[in-house]
Amino acid sequence: QVQLVESGGALVQPGGSLRLSCTASGISLDYYTIAWFRQVPGKEREGVSCVSTINDTSVVADALEGRFTVARDNAKNTVYLQMNSLKPDDTAVYYCAARPFYYYCSHYENSEHLYWGQGTQVTVSS
């Protein structure tokens, strides 16, 4: 059974940092492109970042560039989302999702993904 499990969400003050983890079981992330999304109730899901297993190429949404980075550790079958200088607008449920490696990160924001995690809540508030 394939599972993606996100962790690391928390309540953090503005300006703080968090590192989210997405750990897979039942699949090897060596063969998957992994994306991060976030969603606020009542709003559309938003693409945050994506990392390909090919050359570890990655993309971050333009609005988040400079604050968010993504990295993968295939040995741990885990992808990380490092979030710095957090703002209240970053409050959301964050999800990771996987699709086959040959899709790279092209148009990840609007593409179907095979597997999804259950999400982890990030709340940025003083």
Foldseek 3Di string as FASTA:
>chain_A
DKAWAKDFADEAAAQAKIKIKIAIDPDQCLFKKKWKWWDDPPDDIFTAKIFASVVRDMDGPPVQPPFWDKGDDRVRRMIMIIGGRDDQVVWTWMKMFIAGRVVGCPPVGPDDGDHIHPTGTHGYHD
